[in-house]
Amino acid sequence: MLPNFHSKCHVKFMSNSNYSNSDLMARIKRKLCFKIKIPILLVLLLFILLCVHYMKPVKCSLDKDNEKNKPKYELLIVILTAPDNMERRNIIRRTWMSEKYSYVKYFFAIGTVNIQQALHETLQSENHKHKDLLLLPTLRDSYNTITKKVLYSFKQLTEDYDFDFLLKCDDDSYVVIESLLKELSKWQSRGTQKELYWGYFNGRAQVKRHGPWKETNWILCDYYLPYALGGGYVLSSNLVKFISRNWEVLKIYSAEDVSVGVWLAPLANIERKHDTRFDTEYQSRGCSNDYIITHKQSIQKMQYMHELSAITRKLCSKELIIHKSYQYNWTVPPSQCCNREQDVSPKGS
């Protein structure tokens, strides 16, 4: 007799009939959903991996595109000035910034927090006329915020412009732009891969504990780290960008020039170029026709140097040494760097 397959099947079917139709449909849906979810999850996982892999290159590409869209200059000049120092700004406009270069752009940096409404309106009018004020709306302008002023200026200019070099100086500094540009051109023609930090350096300055520049949180050593004096110094663009991109984590010291020296101290591949033609100390060392920058100049002296230079191509009717210059000795500890015993003529670094 043949086996009764039909009855076995019938039994199996009857056993499965214990499930209701709704339970059976639910089980089928769960199986189908599971099978569908696997490829979806795989696609999502692949998408996440691609995002992680390509996110940074895309950002870099966007940064490069932004750089291309920025106005390009060989040299940016940021001049620190007080809100009410319009007379000093005007003498600079009439003298050493009167000759225009298409590849040079200058700005007077001014903090505008808590200034009187009348003064703010005057600044707006001045900027509308000259278009050369870098107004910093989050900075209160004072001696106590001068380092932040430099920091915010660097950050704003880096965001808005593409440039090769930046000169920072004060509104009582006189700059021979033509000589500065010639030296920068020489430096570039060398084809060096190093970054430029150019000025008149000091490495033996003792930390100030009193007065407007006193440091209450200096713990690095007994002296300031080597820095270019603030009457005028030049930085290549990558150094300015480094400071700008790390502005939130950089320690602020009272003196802006000291701060810049500290911020750049640990960086490799920098040429620190000490130049006696930068007369940028707290008082002028005298008058030399070889000076590129001379600090602590009165309005009258700036006008005189400009008029004399236009006729004779010289800054001084008679050269004068009030304080001796020094060559910075980079082979000895900073406290022994700067010997004024021998007179050094400002004929280059």
Protein backbone atom coordinates (compact mmCIF):
# COMPACT_ATOMS: atom_id res chain seq x y z
CA MET A 1 0.00 0.00 0.00
CA LEU A 2 1.29 3.46 -0.87
CA PRO A 3 1.97 5.82 2.02
CA ASN A 4 -0.70 8.33 2.66
CA PHE A 5 1.23 11.49 1.85
CA HIS A 6 -1.94 13.42 1.67
CA SER A 7 -2.85 12.66 5.26
CA LYS A 8 0.65 13.72 6.44
CA CYS A 9 0.38 16.95 4.61
CA HIS A 10 -3.02 17.39 6.00
CA VAL A 11 -1.71 16.86 9.51
CA LYS A 12 1.10 19.41 8.96
CA PHE A 13 -1.33 21.88 7.55
CA MET A 14 -3.66 21.34 10.44
CA SER A 15 -0.84 21.91 12.92
CA ASN A 16 0.00 25.21 11.25
CA SER A 17 -3.62 26.18 11.34
CA ASN A 18 -3.14 26.94 15.01
CA TYR A 19 -1.79 30.33 13.78
CA SER A 20 -4.41 32.86 12.90
CA ASN A 21 -4.29 34.60 9.57
CA SER A 22 -3.18 37.85 11.23
CA ASP A 23 -0.25 36.13 12.99
CA LEU A 24 0.85 34.54 9.76
CA MET A 25 0.79 37.85 7.91
CA ALA A 26 2.75 39.53 10.71
CA ARG A 27 5.49 36.88 10.51
CA ILE A 28 5.71 37.29 6.74
CA LYS A 29 5.96 41.08 7.06
CA ARG A 30 8.70 40.80 9.67
CA LYS A 31 10.74 38.53 7.42
CA LEU A 32 10.24 40.81 4.43
CA CYS A 33 11.12 43.92 6.45
CA PHE A 34 14.31 42.31 7.75
CA LYS A 35 15.35 41.35 4.21
CA ILE A 36 14.64 44.90 3.00
CA LYS A 37 16.45 46.61 5.91
CA ILE A 38 19.77 44.85 5.30
CA PRO A 39 20.49 46.51 1.94
CA ILE A 40 19.26 49.88 3.24
CA LEU A 41 21.61 49.66 6.22
CA LEU A 42 24.47 48.71 3.93
CA VAL A 43 23.77 51.71 1.72
CA LEU A 44 23.64 54.02 4.74
CA LEU A 45 26.90 52.62 6.09
CA LEU A 46 28.58 53.12 2.72
CA PHE A 47 27.28 56.69 2.57
CA ILE A 48 28.70 57.48 6.04
CA LEU A 49 32.09 56.03 5.14
CA LEU A 50 32.21 58.10 1.96
CA CYS A 51 31.29 61.25 3.88
CA VAL A 52 34.03 60.67 6.45
CA HIS A 53 36.57 59.93 3.73
CA TYR A 54 35.79 62.91 1.52
CA MET A 55 34.70 65.50 4.09
CA LYS A 56 38.16 67.00 4.68
CA PRO A 57 39.25 67.14 1.04
CA VAL A 58 36.02 68.90 0.16
CA LYS A 59 36.59 71.44 2.94
CA CYS A 60 40.14 72.06 1.74
CA SER A 61 38.84 72.53 -1.76
CA LEU A 62 36.32 75.07 -0.52
CA ASP A 63 39.07 76.90 1.39
CA LYS A 64 41.13 77.11 -1.79
CA ASP A 65 38.14 78.40 -3.72
CA ASN A 66 37.59 81.06 -1.05
CA GLU A 67 41.24 82.09 -1.31
CA LYS A 68 40.83 82.53 -5.06
CA ASN A 69 37.81 84.77 -4.55
CA LYS A 70 39.59 87.12 -2.12
CA PRO A 71 41.29 90.33 -3.29
CA LYS A 72 45.02 89.65 -3.69
CA TYR A 73 47.82 91.94 -2.45
CA GLU A 74 51.54 91.57 -2.06
CA LEU A 75 51.56 93.58 1.15
CA LEU A 76 48.91 94.45 3.73
CA ILE A 77 49.70 97.13 6.30
CA VAL A 78 47.83 97.32 9.59
CA ILE A 79 48.44 100.52 11.55
CA LEU A 80 47.35 100.62 15.19
CA THR A 81 45.64 103.89 16.02
CA ALA A 82 43.31 105.29 18.67
CA PRO A 83 39.75 106.29 17.69
CA ASP A 84 40.42 110.02 18.16
CA ASN A 85 43.84 110.08 16.42
CA MET A 86 42.49 111.38 13.12
CA GLU A 87 45.28 113.94 12.80
CA ARG A 88 47.90 111.18 12.88
CA ARG A 89 45.97 109.11 10.36
CA ASN A 90 45.73 112.11 8.06
CA ILE A 91 49.47 112.84 8.19
CA ILE A 92 50.19 109.22 7.22
CA ARG A 93 47.76 109.52 4.31
CA ARG A 94 49.52 112.69 3.15
CA THR A 95 53.07 111.39 3.63
CA TRP A 96 54.36 107.84 3.48
CA MET A 97 51.08 106.35 2.24
CA SER A 98 50.46 109.04 -0.36
CA GLU A 99 52.16 107.07 -3.13
CA LYS A 100 49.71 104.38 -4.23
CA TYR A 101 50.64 100.84 -5.20
CA SER A 102 48.02 98.54 -6.69
CA TYR A 103 49.50 95.58 -4.78
CA VAL A 104 49.65 97.31 -1.37
CA LYS A 105 46.68 98.00 0.89
CA TYR A 106 46.73 99.63 4.30
CA PHE A 107 44.28 99.85 7.20
CA PHE A 108 44.02 101.79 10.45
CA ALA A 109 42.80 99.35 13.12
CA ILE A 110 40.33 100.80 15.65
CA GLY A 111 38.17 99.15 18.30
CA THR A 112 34.66 100.62 18.49
CA VAL A 113 33.10 99.13 21.63
CA ASN A 114 31.75 101.76 24.05
CA ILE A 115 32.93 104.78 22.09
CA GLN A 116 30.70 107.84 22.11
CA GLN A 117 28.07 108.10 19.42
CA ALA A 118 29.50 111.33 18.01
CA LEU A 119 32.96 109.78 17.66
CA HIS A 120 31.50 106.65 16.09
CA GLU A 121 29.72 108.78 13.50
CA THR A 122 32.95 110.67 12.82
CA LEU A 123 34.76 107.37 12.22
CA GLN A 124 32.01 106.21 9.88
CA SER A 125 32.29 109.45 7.92
CA GLU A 126 36.10 109.15 7.82
CA ASN A 127 35.87 105.58 6.57
CA HIS A 128 33.31 106.53 3.94
CA LYS A 129 35.75 109.13 2.64
CA HIS A 130 39.01 107.16 2.78
CA LYS A 131 37.87 103.52 2.96
CA ASP A 132 40.92 102.57 5.02
CA LEU A 133 39.61 101.97 8.55
CA LEU A 134 39.53 98.46 9.98
CA LEU A 135 36.74 98.90 12.51
CA LEU A 136 36.67 96.13 15.13
CA PRO A 137 33.14 96.03 16.59
CA THR A 138 33.92 93.55 19.40
CA LEU A 139 36.99 95.37 20.78
CA ARG A 140 37.18 98.14 23.36
CA ASP A 141 40.09 100.32 22.25
CA SER A 142 42.65 100.85 25.06
CA TYR A 143 46.23 100.07 26.05
CA ASN A 144 44.94 97.03 27.93
CA THR A 145 43.47 95.49 24.76
CA ILE A 146 46.27 96.23 22.30
CA THR A 147 47.25 92.57 21.94
CA LYS A 148 43.66 91.61 21.20
CA LYS A 149 43.60 94.45 18.70
CA VAL A 150 46.48 92.89 16.78
CA LEU A 151 44.91 89.45 17.07
CA TYR A 152 41.49 90.59 15.84
CA SER A 153 43.08 92.61 13.02
CA PHE A 154 45.08 89.60 11.82
CA LYS A 155 41.96 87.44 11.95
CA GLN A 156 39.81 89.90 10.02
CA LEU A 157 42.39 90.58 7.33
CA THR A 158 43.07 86.87 6.87
CA GLU A 159 39.37 86.24 6.37
CA ASP A 160 38.95 89.08 3.86
CA TYR A 161 42.19 89.13 1.83
CA ASP A 162 44.80 86.97 0.16
CA PHE A 163 48.30 88.40 0.66
CA ASP A 164 51.99 87.55 0.75
CA PHE A 165 53.17 89.72 3.66
CA LEU A 166 51.74 91.85 6.44
CA LEU A 167 53.40 94.85 8.07
CA LYS A 168 52.18 95.84 11.52
CA CYS A 169 53.17 99.30 12.74
CA ASP A 170 51.88 102.21 14.85
CA ASP A 171 50.49 105.59 13.85
CA ASP A 172 53.72 107.26 15.02
CA SER A 173 55.86 105.13 12.68
CA TYR A 174 57.19 106.45 9.37
CA VAL A 175 57.67 103.78 6.70
CA VAL A 176 59.68 104.01 3.48
CA ILE A 177 57.36 101.82 1.41
CA GLU A 178 59.59 101.72 -1.66
CA SER A 179 62.55 100.36 0.32
CA LEU A 180 60.33 97.86 2.14
CA LEU A 181 58.94 96.49 -1.12
CA LYS A 182 62.42 96.20 -2.66
CA GLU A 183 63.63 94.14 0.30
CA LEU A 184 60.59 91.89 0.16
CA SER A 185 61.18 91.34 -3.55
CA LYS A 186 64.80 90.38 -2.84
CA TRP A 187 63.70 87.95 -0.15
CA GLN A 188 61.16 86.31 -2.47
CA SER A 189 63.68 86.04 -5.32
CA ARG A 190 65.84 83.81 -3.12
CA GLY A 191 63.19 81.12 -3.46
CA THR A 192 63.37 80.24 0.22
CA GLN A 193 60.74 77.91 1.65
CA LYS A 194 60.97 79.54 5.06
CA GLU A 195 58.46 81.91 6.60
CA LEU A 196 59.56 85.50 7.26
CA TYR A 197 59.54 87.24 10.65
CA TRP A 198 61.36 90.53 10.00
CA GLY A 199 62.09 93.39 12.36
CA TYR A 200 64.43 94.62 15.08
CA PHE A 201 64.66 91.80 17.63
CA ASN A 202 65.26 91.78 21.35
CA GLY A 203 65.93 88.68 23.43
CA ARG A 204 67.18 90.14 26.69
CA ALA A 205 64.23 92.32 27.69
CA GLN A 206 63.32 91.77 31.33
CA VAL A 207 59.70 91.07 32.14
CA LYS A 208 57.84 94.22 33.18
CA ARG A 209 56.15 93.99 36.56
CA HIS A 210 54.91 97.58 36.78
CA GLY A 211 53.40 100.20 34.52
CA PRO A 212 51.00 99.87 31.57
CA TRP A 213 52.84 96.87 30.10
CA LYS A 214 53.20 94.86 33.31
CA GLU A 215 52.77 91.10 32.98
CA THR A 216 50.97 89.39 35.83
CA ASN A 217 50.79 85.90 34.29
CA TRP A 218 54.21 85.50 32.68
CA ILE A 219 55.70 82.13 33.74
CA LEU A 220 57.93 81.18 30.80
CA CYS A 221 61.33 82.46 31.98
CA ASP A 222 63.09 85.47 33.51
CA TYR A 223 63.18 87.31 30.16
CA TYR A 224 60.77 87.78 27.31
CA LEU A 225 61.25 85.33 24.47
CA PRO A 226 62.96 86.85 21.38
CA TYR A 227 60.52 89.14 19.58
CA ALA A 228 60.53 91.87 16.94
CA LEU A 229 59.81 95.26 18.47
CA GLY A 230 56.34 96.64 17.90
CA GLY A 231 57.17 99.91 16.13
CA GLY A 232 57.09 97.83 12.96
CA TYR A 233 57.56 94.21 11.92
CA VAL A 234 56.73 92.07 8.89
CA LEU A 235 55.21 88.58 8.85
CA SER A 236 54.73 86.28 5.88
CA SER A 237 51.12 85.30 5.28
CA ASN A 238 51.35 81.76 6.68
CA LEU A 239 52.45 83.10 10.05
CA VAL A 240 49.53 85.53 10.13
CA LYS A 241 47.19 82.69 9.17
CA PHE A 242 48.61 80.47 11.93
CA ILE A 243 47.89 83.16 14.51
CA SER A 244 44.44 83.85 13.07
CA ARG A 245 43.35 80.21 13.00
CA ASN A 246 44.48 79.61 16.59
CA TRP A 247 43.35 82.91 18.05
CA GLU A 248 40.98 81.33 20.56
CA VAL A 249 43.69 79.27 22.30
CA LEU A 250 46.60 81.73 22.25
CA LYS A 251 47.64 83.24 25.58
CA ILE A 252 47.28 87.02 25.68
CA TYR A 253 50.11 89.11 27.14
CA SER A 254 50.07 92.86 27.75
CA ALA A 255 52.55 93.73 24.99
CA GLU A 256 51.44 92.77 21.49
CA ASP A 257 54.97 92.43 20.12
CA VAL A 258 55.98 90.16 23.00
CA SER A 259 52.83 88.11 22.41
CA VAL A 260 53.60 87.61 18.72
CA GLY A 261 57.11 86.46 19.65
CA VAL A 262 55.68 83.89 22.06
CA TRP A 263 53.04 82.64 19.61
CA LEU A 264 55.64 82.04 16.91
CA ALA A 265 58.40 80.74 19.21
CA PRO A 266 57.68 76.98 18.83
CA LEU A 267 57.23 77.06 15.05
CA ALA A 268 59.84 75.57 12.76
CA ASN A 269 60.94 76.87 9.38
CA ILE A 270 60.95 80.58 10.27
CA GLU A 271 63.65 83.04 9.26
CA ARG A 272 63.92 85.63 12.03
CA LYS A 273 65.50 88.52 10.19
CA HIS A 274 67.02 91.13 12.51
CA ASP A 275 67.46 94.41 10.66
CA THR A 276 69.08 97.58 12.03
CA ARG A 277 67.17 99.58 9.41
CA PHE A 278 64.08 99.01 11.57
CA ASP A 279 64.25 101.88 14.07
CA THR A 280 61.37 100.44 16.06
CA GLU A 281 62.32 100.62 19.74
CA TYR A 282 60.38 102.53 22.41
CA GLN A 283 62.31 105.63 21.35
CA SER A 284 64.06 106.48 18.10
CA ARG A 285 67.77 105.68 17.87
CA GLY A 286 68.29 108.81 15.78
CA CYS A 287 68.05 109.48 12.06
CA SER A 288 69.58 107.46 9.24
CA ASN A 289 68.94 107.68 5.53
CA ASP A 290 68.99 103.89 5.46
CA TYR A 291 66.05 103.45 7.80
CA ILE A 292 63.09 101.54 6.39
CA ILE A 293 60.89 102.20 9.43
CA THR A 294 61.44 104.81 12.12
CA HIS A 295 59.25 104.88 15.23
CA LYS A 296 58.16 107.56 17.70
CA GLN A 297 57.92 110.33 15.14
CA SER A 298 55.88 113.48 15.65
CA ILE A 299 53.43 114.76 13.07
CA GLN A 300 55.80 117.61 12.27
CA LYS A 301 58.77 115.26 11.84
CA MET A 302 56.77 112.99 9.50
CA GLN A 303 55.86 115.96 7.32
CA TYR A 304 59.48 117.12 7.27
CA MET A 305 60.86 113.68 6.34
CA HIS A 306 58.31 113.34 3.55
CA GLU A 307 59.11 116.76 2.07
CA LEU A 308 62.86 116.19 2.33
CA SER A 309 62.58 112.73 0.79
CA ALA A 310 60.59 114.10 -2.16
CA ILE A 311 63.44 116.48 -2.99
CA THR A 312 66.61 114.62 -1.94
CA ARG A 313 65.53 110.94 -1.57
CA LYS A 314 66.81 111.18 2.01
CA LEU A 315 65.07 111.12 5.39
CA CYS A 316 67.63 113.22 7.24
CA SER A 317 69.24 116.57 6.52
CA LYS A 318 71.96 115.33 8.87
CA GLU A 319 72.25 111.76 10.15
CA LEU A 320 72.25 111.42 13.92
CA ILE A 321 72.91 108.57 16.38
CA ILE A 322 71.17 108.91 19.74
CA HIS A 323 71.40 105.25 20.74
CA LYS A 324 73.61 102.62 19.19
CA SER A 325 72.16 99.74 17.23
CA TYR A 326 73.19 96.12 17.69
CA GLN A 327 73.35 92.99 15.59
CA TYR A 328 71.41 90.13 17.12
CA ASN A 329 73.66 87.15 17.93
CA TRP A 330 71.55 84.03 17.36
CA THR A 331 74.39 81.70 18.43
CA VAL A 332 74.27 82.62 22.14
CA PRO A 333 71.50 82.49 24.78
CA PRO A 334 68.92 85.25 24.29
CA SER A 335 70.06 87.13 27.42
CA GLN A 336 73.45 87.63 25.67
CA CYS A 337 72.02 88.43 22.25
CA CYS A 338 72.31 92.15 21.93
CA ASN A 339 75.56 93.98 22.53
CA ARG A 340 75.49 97.73 21.93
CA GLU A 341 79.17 98.17 22.75
CA GLN A 342 80.14 98.36 19.09
CA ASP A 343 78.34 100.82 16.88
CA VAL A 344 76.43 99.15 14.07
CA SER A 345 75.56 101.21 11.03
CA PRO A 346 72.02 100.53 9.69
CA LYS A 347 73.12 99.17 6.31
CA GLY A 348 71.04 95.99 6.30
CA SER A 349 70.74 92.86 8.37
